[in-house]
Amino acid sequence: MAPSLSKIWIWADFKMNQDRIAATFCINRDKPITICGGSCYLAKELNKTGNQEDKQQPSSFKLRLTVDYVLNSESTSFQSNYLLKTLQFGDSENDLTPSYLDDIFHPPQYS
């Protein structure tokens, strides 16, 4: 998109300053028979812009992404009984006393 915008900008600048360009930069300005009107200068500028874009384009596509990783087998190995050894499980029969079983929660009543 940027290359086409630069060519449009060159063309618009040429059209705005065509009389000055024809009088100063035109190759055929000394030959009154030719009706160049500065278009030779426009063609030269567009070719120069095209050549610059061709040189820049391959460098923009040289992006290379490399991802390196190291897998350490020791850090990913799991001990099968590690959690069972470290966690303390309570005795479920001793945790629940009869008072917990006998009490029934009654929600508050609004009057």
N, C-alpha and C. Protein backbone atom coordinates (compact mmCIF):
# COMPACT_ATOMS: atom_id res chain seq x y z
N MET A 1 0.82 -1.19 0.00
CA MET A 1 0.00 0.00 0.00
C MET A 1 0.87 1.25 0.00
N ALA A 2 1.95 1.24 0.73
CA ALA A 2 2.84 2.40 0.78
C ALA A 2 3.48 2.71 -0.57
N PRO A 3 3.88 1.69 -1.37
CA PRO A 3 4.46 2.02 -2.67
C PRO A 3 3.48 2.76 -3.58
N SER A 4 2.23 2.36 -3.60
CA SER A 4 1.26 3.04 -4.45
C SER A 4 1.01 4.46 -3.95
N LEU A 5 1.05 4.68 -2.65
CA LEU A 5 0.87 6.02 -2.12
C LEU A 5 2.02 6.94 -2.50
N SER A 6 3.23 6.41 -2.51
CA SER A 6 4.37 7.25 -2.89
C SER A 6 4.29 7.64 -4.36
N LYS A 7 3.82 6.73 -5.20
CA LYS A 7 3.67 7.05 -6.63
C LYS A 7 2.55 8.06 -6.84
N ILE A 8 1.49 7.95 -6.08
CA ILE A 8 0.40 8.93 -6.18
C ILE A 8 0.90 10.29 -5.73
N TRP A 9 1.71 10.33 -4.67
CA TRP A 9 2.25 11.60 -4.18
C TRP A 9 3.15 12.25 -5.23
N ILE A 10 3.99 11.44 -5.89
CA ILE A 10 4.87 11.97 -6.94
C ILE A 10 4.04 12.53 -8.10
N TRP A 11 3.00 11.81 -8.50
CA TRP A 11 2.15 12.27 -9.60
C TRP A 11 1.42 13.57 -9.23
N ALA A 12 0.89 13.63 -7.98
CA ALA A 12 0.18 14.84 -7.55
C ALA A 12 1.13 16.04 -7.48
N ASP A 13 2.34 15.82 -7.00
CA ASP A 13 3.33 16.89 -6.95
C ASP A 13 3.70 17.35 -8.36
N PHE A 14 3.80 16.39 -9.27
CA PHE A 14 4.10 16.74 -10.67
C PHE A 14 2.98 17.60 -11.27
N LYS A 15 1.73 17.21 -11.04
CA LYS A 15 0.61 17.96 -11.61
C LYS A 15 0.53 19.38 -11.03
N MET A 16 0.83 19.53 -9.75
CA MET A 16 0.77 20.86 -9.14
C MET A 16 1.90 21.76 -9.65
N ASN A 17 3.04 21.18 -9.96
CA ASN A 17 4.22 21.96 -10.36
C ASN A 17 4.64 21.66 -11.79
N GLN A 18 3.72 21.25 -12.64
CA GLN A 18 4.07 20.81 -13.99
C GLN A 18 4.74 21.91 -14.81
N ASP A 19 4.26 23.12 -14.73
CA ASP A 19 4.85 24.22 -15.50
C ASP A 19 6.29 24.48 -15.07
N ARG A 20 6.54 24.51 -13.78
CA ARG A 20 7.90 24.74 -13.29
C ARG A 20 8.82 23.59 -13.65
N ILE A 21 8.32 22.35 -13.53
CA ILE A 21 9.12 21.18 -13.87
C ILE A 21 9.46 21.17 -15.35
N ALA A 22 8.48 21.50 -16.20
CA ALA A 22 8.72 21.53 -17.65
C ALA A 22 9.75 22.59 -18.01
N ALA A 23 9.76 23.69 -17.28
CA ALA A 23 10.70 24.77 -17.58
C ALA A 23 12.10 24.52 -17.05
N THR A 24 12.23 23.77 -15.96
CA THR A 24 13.56 23.62 -15.35
C THR A 24 14.15 22.21 -15.47
N PHE A 25 13.35 21.16 -15.30
CA PHE A 25 13.89 19.80 -15.24
C PHE A 25 13.69 18.99 -16.52
N CYS A 26 12.87 19.44 -17.43
CA CYS A 26 12.54 18.66 -18.63
C CYS A 26 13.77 18.50 -19.52
N ILE A 27 13.99 17.30 -20.02
CA ILE A 27 15.12 17.03 -20.91
C ILE A 27 14.95 17.77 -22.23
N ASN A 28 13.72 17.89 -22.72
CA ASN A 28 13.43 18.49 -24.01
C ASN A 28 13.02 19.96 -23.90
N ARG A 29 13.42 20.65 -22.87
CA ARG A 29 12.99 22.04 -22.69
C ARG A 29 13.58 22.98 -23.74
N ASP A 30 14.72 22.59 -24.36
CA ASP A 30 15.33 23.42 -25.40
C ASP A 30 14.72 23.17 -26.78
N LYS A 31 13.93 22.13 -26.92
CA LYS A 31 13.33 21.79 -28.21
C LYS A 31 11.86 22.19 -28.18
N PRO A 32 11.50 23.26 -28.82
CA PRO A 32 10.10 23.71 -28.77
C PRO A 32 9.14 22.82 -29.54
N ILE A 33 9.63 21.97 -30.43
CA ILE A 33 8.74 21.12 -31.24
C ILE A 33 8.14 20.00 -30.38
N THR A 34 8.90 19.45 -29.49
CA THR A 34 8.39 18.36 -28.65
C THR A 34 7.42 18.90 -27.60
N ILE A 35 6.39 18.13 -27.38
CA ILE A 35 5.38 18.52 -26.39
C ILE A 35 5.50 17.54 -25.21
N CYS A 36 6.54 17.68 -24.47
CA CYS A 36 6.80 16.77 -23.33
C CYS A 36 6.03 17.24 -22.11
N GLY A 37 6.13 18.50 -21.82
CA GLY A 37 5.42 19.05 -20.67
C GLY A 37 5.93 18.53 -19.34
N GLY A 38 7.16 18.01 -19.32
CA GLY A 38 7.73 17.51 -18.08
C GLY A 38 7.42 16.05 -17.79
N SER A 39 6.75 15.36 -18.71
CA SER A 39 6.41 13.96 -18.46
C SER A 39 7.65 13.08 -18.42
N CYS A 40 8.75 13.51 -19.07
CA CYS A 40 10.00 12.76 -18.98
C CYS A 40 10.53 12.77 -17.54
N TYR A 41 10.40 13.90 -16.87
CA TYR A 41 10.82 14.01 -15.47
C TYR A 41 9.94 13.14 -14.58
N LEU A 42 8.62 13.12 -14.86
CA LEU A 42 7.70 12.28 -14.08
C LEU A 42 8.06 10.81 -14.24
N ALA A 43 8.32 10.37 -15.48
CA ALA A 43 8.68 8.97 -15.72
C ALA A 43 9.97 8.61 -14.99
N LYS A 44 10.95 9.52 -15.01
CA LYS A 44 12.22 9.27 -14.33
C LYS A 44 12.03 9.13 -12.82
N GLU A 45 11.21 10.00 -12.24
CA GLU A 45 10.96 9.94 -10.79
C GLU A 45 10.19 8.67 -10.40
N LEU A 46 9.22 8.28 -11.22
CA LEU A 46 8.46 7.05 -10.93
C LEU A 46 9.35 5.83 -11.04
N ASN A 47 10.24 5.80 -12.03
CA ASN A 47 11.17 4.67 -12.15
C ASN A 47 12.13 4.63 -10.97
N LYS A 48 12.59 5.79 -10.54
CA LYS A 48 13.51 5.84 -9.39
C LYS A 48 12.81 5.32 -8.13
N THR A 49 11.55 5.71 -7.95
CA THR A 49 10.79 5.23 -6.79
C THR A 49 10.55 3.73 -6.88
N GLY A 50 10.25 3.24 -8.09
CA GLY A 50 10.04 1.80 -8.29
C GLY A 50 11.29 1.01 -8.00
N ASN A 51 12.45 1.52 -8.41
CA ASN A 51 13.71 0.82 -8.14
C ASN A 51 14.02 0.79 -6.65
N GLN A 52 13.74 1.88 -5.95
CA GLN A 52 13.97 1.90 -4.50
C GLN A 52 13.06 0.91 -3.79
N GLU A 53 11.82 0.80 -4.26
CA GLU A 53 10.88 -0.14 -3.63
C GLU A 53 11.30 -1.57 -3.90
N ASP A 54 11.82 -1.85 -5.10
CA ASP A 54 12.28 -3.20 -5.41
C ASP A 54 13.46 -3.60 -4.53
N LYS A 55 14.33 -2.64 -4.23
CA LYS A 55 15.48 -2.93 -3.37
C LYS A 55 15.04 -3.14 -1.92
N GLN A 56 14.02 -2.43 -1.49
CA GLN A 56 13.59 -2.52 -0.10
C GLN A 56 12.69 -3.72 0.14
N GLN A 57 11.99 -4.18 -0.86
CA GLN A 57 11.01 -5.24 -0.65
C GLN A 57 11.62 -6.55 -0.18
N PRO A 58 12.70 -7.06 -0.79
CA PRO A 58 13.23 -8.33 -0.28
C PRO A 58 13.69 -8.26 1.16
N SER A 59 14.20 -7.13 1.61
CA SER A 59 14.69 -7.05 2.98
C SER A 59 13.54 -7.12 3.99
N SER A 60 12.34 -6.71 3.60
CA SER A 60 11.23 -6.76 4.53
C SER A 60 10.70 -8.17 4.73
N PHE A 61 11.04 -9.08 3.81
CA PHE A 61 10.56 -10.45 3.94
C PHE A 61 11.61 -11.38 4.54
N LYS A 62 12.67 -10.83 5.10
CA LYS A 62 13.71 -11.65 5.68
C LYS A 62 13.52 -11.87 7.17
N LEU A 63 12.32 -11.72 7.64
CA LEU A 63 12.05 -11.93 9.05
C LEU A 63 12.10 -13.42 9.34
N ARG A 64 12.84 -13.78 10.33
CA ARG A 64 12.97 -15.19 10.68
C ARG A 64 12.68 -15.33 12.16
N LEU A 65 11.84 -16.27 12.48
CA LEU A 65 11.47 -16.52 13.86
C LEU A 65 12.04 -17.87 14.27
N THR A 66 12.84 -17.86 15.29
CA THR A 66 13.37 -19.11 15.81
C THR A 66 12.97 -19.22 17.27
N VAL A 67 12.55 -20.39 17.62
CA VAL A 67 12.15 -20.66 19.00
C VAL A 67 12.98 -21.83 19.49
N ASP A 68 13.76 -21.59 20.50
CA ASP A 68 14.58 -22.64 21.10
C ASP A 68 14.04 -22.94 22.48
N TYR A 69 13.97 -24.20 22.79
CA TYR A 69 13.52 -24.58 24.13
C TYR A 69 14.32 -25.79 24.58
N VAL A 70 14.41 -25.93 25.86
CA VAL A 70 15.12 -27.05 26.46
C VAL A 70 14.13 -27.76 27.37
N LEU A 71 14.02 -29.04 27.17
CA LEU A 71 13.13 -29.85 28.00
C LEU A 71 13.98 -30.63 28.98
N ASN A 72 13.82 -30.32 30.23
CA ASN A 72 14.57 -31.00 31.27
C ASN A 72 13.70 -32.13 31.79
N SER A 73 14.13 -33.35 31.56
CA SER A 73 13.32 -34.50 31.94
C SER A 73 13.21 -34.65 33.46
N GLU A 74 14.19 -34.16 34.20
CA GLU A 74 14.13 -34.28 35.65
C GLU A 74 13.05 -33.39 36.25
N SER A 75 12.83 -32.24 35.65
CA SER A 75 11.84 -31.33 36.22
C SER A 75 10.42 -31.72 35.85
N THR A 76 10.25 -32.56 34.84
CA THR A 76 8.90 -32.95 34.44
C THR A 76 8.51 -34.33 34.95
N SER A 77 9.41 -35.01 35.63
CA SER A 77 9.04 -36.32 36.16
C SER A 77 8.25 -36.15 37.45
N PHE A 78 7.30 -37.00 37.64
CA PHE A 78 6.43 -36.92 38.81
C PHE A 78 6.66 -38.13 39.70
N GLN A 79 6.65 -37.88 40.97
CA GLN A 79 6.72 -38.99 41.90
C GLN A 79 5.29 -39.42 42.19
N SER A 80 5.03 -40.68 42.08
CA SER A 80 3.65 -41.16 42.15
C SER A 80 3.02 -40.96 43.53
N ASN A 81 3.75 -41.13 44.59
CA ASN A 81 3.16 -41.04 45.92
C ASN A 81 3.48 -39.72 46.62
N TYR A 82 3.96 -38.74 45.91
CA TYR A 82 4.38 -37.49 46.54
C TYR A 82 3.21 -36.80 47.24
N LEU A 83 2.08 -36.67 46.56
CA LEU A 83 0.93 -36.00 47.17
C LEU A 83 0.37 -36.79 48.34
N LEU A 84 0.36 -38.09 48.22
CA LEU A 84 -0.18 -38.90 49.31
C LEU A 84 0.71 -38.82 50.55
N LYS A 85 2.00 -38.66 50.35
CA LYS A 85 2.91 -38.57 51.50
C LYS A 85 2.86 -37.20 52.17
N THR A 86 2.65 -36.14 51.38
CA THR A 86 2.73 -34.80 51.95
C THR A 86 1.40 -34.31 52.51
N LEU A 87 0.30 -34.73 51.97
CA LEU A 87 -0.99 -34.26 52.45
C LEU A 87 -1.44 -35.09 53.65
N GLN A 88 -1.98 -34.43 54.62
CA GLN A 88 -2.49 -35.12 55.80
C GLN A 88 -4.01 -35.21 55.68
N PHE A 89 -4.48 -36.40 55.59
CA PHE A 89 -5.92 -36.60 55.52
C PHE A 89 -6.42 -36.95 56.92
N GLY A 90 -7.50 -36.31 57.29
CA GLY A 90 -8.07 -36.59 58.60
C GLY A 90 -8.92 -37.85 58.57
N ASP A 91 -9.15 -38.35 59.72
CA ASP A 91 -10.01 -39.52 59.84
C ASP A 91 -11.44 -39.03 59.76
N SER A 92 -12.16 -39.44 58.75
CA SER A 92 -13.49 -38.89 58.51
C SER A 92 -14.48 -39.26 59.62
N GLU A 93 -14.29 -40.39 60.27
CA GLU A 93 -15.22 -40.78 61.33
C GLU A 93 -15.02 -39.92 62.58
N ASN A 94 -13.80 -39.53 62.88
CA ASN A 94 -13.53 -38.73 64.06
C ASN A 94 -13.81 -37.24 63.84
N ASP A 95 -13.80 -36.79 62.58
CA ASP A 95 -14.03 -35.38 62.30
C ASP A 95 -15.48 -34.99 62.54
N LEU A 96 -16.39 -35.87 62.29
CA LEU A 96 -17.81 -35.56 62.47
C LEU A 96 -18.25 -36.07 63.84
N THR A 97 -18.54 -35.16 64.71
CA THR A 97 -19.02 -35.55 66.03
C THR A 97 -20.54 -35.63 65.99
N PRO A 98 -21.14 -36.30 66.92
CA PRO A 98 -22.60 -36.43 66.92
C PRO A 98 -23.32 -35.10 67.03
N SER A 99 -22.68 -34.07 67.61
CA SER A 99 -23.37 -32.79 67.72
C SER A 99 -23.59 -32.17 66.33
N TYR A 100 -22.66 -32.40 65.41
CA TYR A 100 -22.85 -31.90 64.06
C TYR A 100 -23.99 -32.63 63.36
N LEU A 101 -24.11 -33.89 63.65
CA LEU A 101 -25.15 -34.66 62.98
C LEU A 101 -26.53 -34.38 63.56
N ASP A 102 -26.61 -34.05 64.83
CA ASP A 102 -27.91 -33.84 65.47
C ASP A 102 -28.48 -32.46 65.20
N ASP A 103 -27.64 -31.47 65.04
CA ASP A 103 -28.13 -30.11 64.85
C ASP A 103 -28.66 -29.93 63.42
N ILE A 104 -29.81 -29.34 63.32
CA ILE A 104 -30.41 -29.02 62.03
C ILE A 104 -30.49 -27.51 61.95
N PHE A 105 -30.02 -26.98 60.86
CA PHE A 105 -30.02 -25.54 60.68
C PHE A 105 -31.44 -25.06 60.40
N HIS A 106 -31.85 -24.06 61.15
CA HIS A 106 -33.15 -23.43 60.93
C HIS A 106 -32.90 -22.00 60.47
N PRO A 107 -33.34 -21.63 59.29
CA PRO A 107 -33.12 -20.26 58.82
C PRO A 107 -33.89 -19.26 59.67
N PRO A 108 -33.45 -18.03 59.71
CA PRO A 108 -34.15 -17.03 60.52
C PRO A 108 -35.53 -16.75 59.95
N GLN A 109 -36.45 -16.47 60.83
CA GLN A 109 -37.81 -16.16 60.41
C GLN A 109 -38.07 -14.68 60.62
N TYR A 110 -38.64 -14.07 59.62
CA TYR A 110 -38.96 -12.65 59.70
C TYR A 110 -40.41 -12.49 60.11
N SER A 111 -40.67 -11.59 61.04
CA SER A 111 -42.06 -11.43 61.48
C SER A 111 -42.67 -10.17 60.94
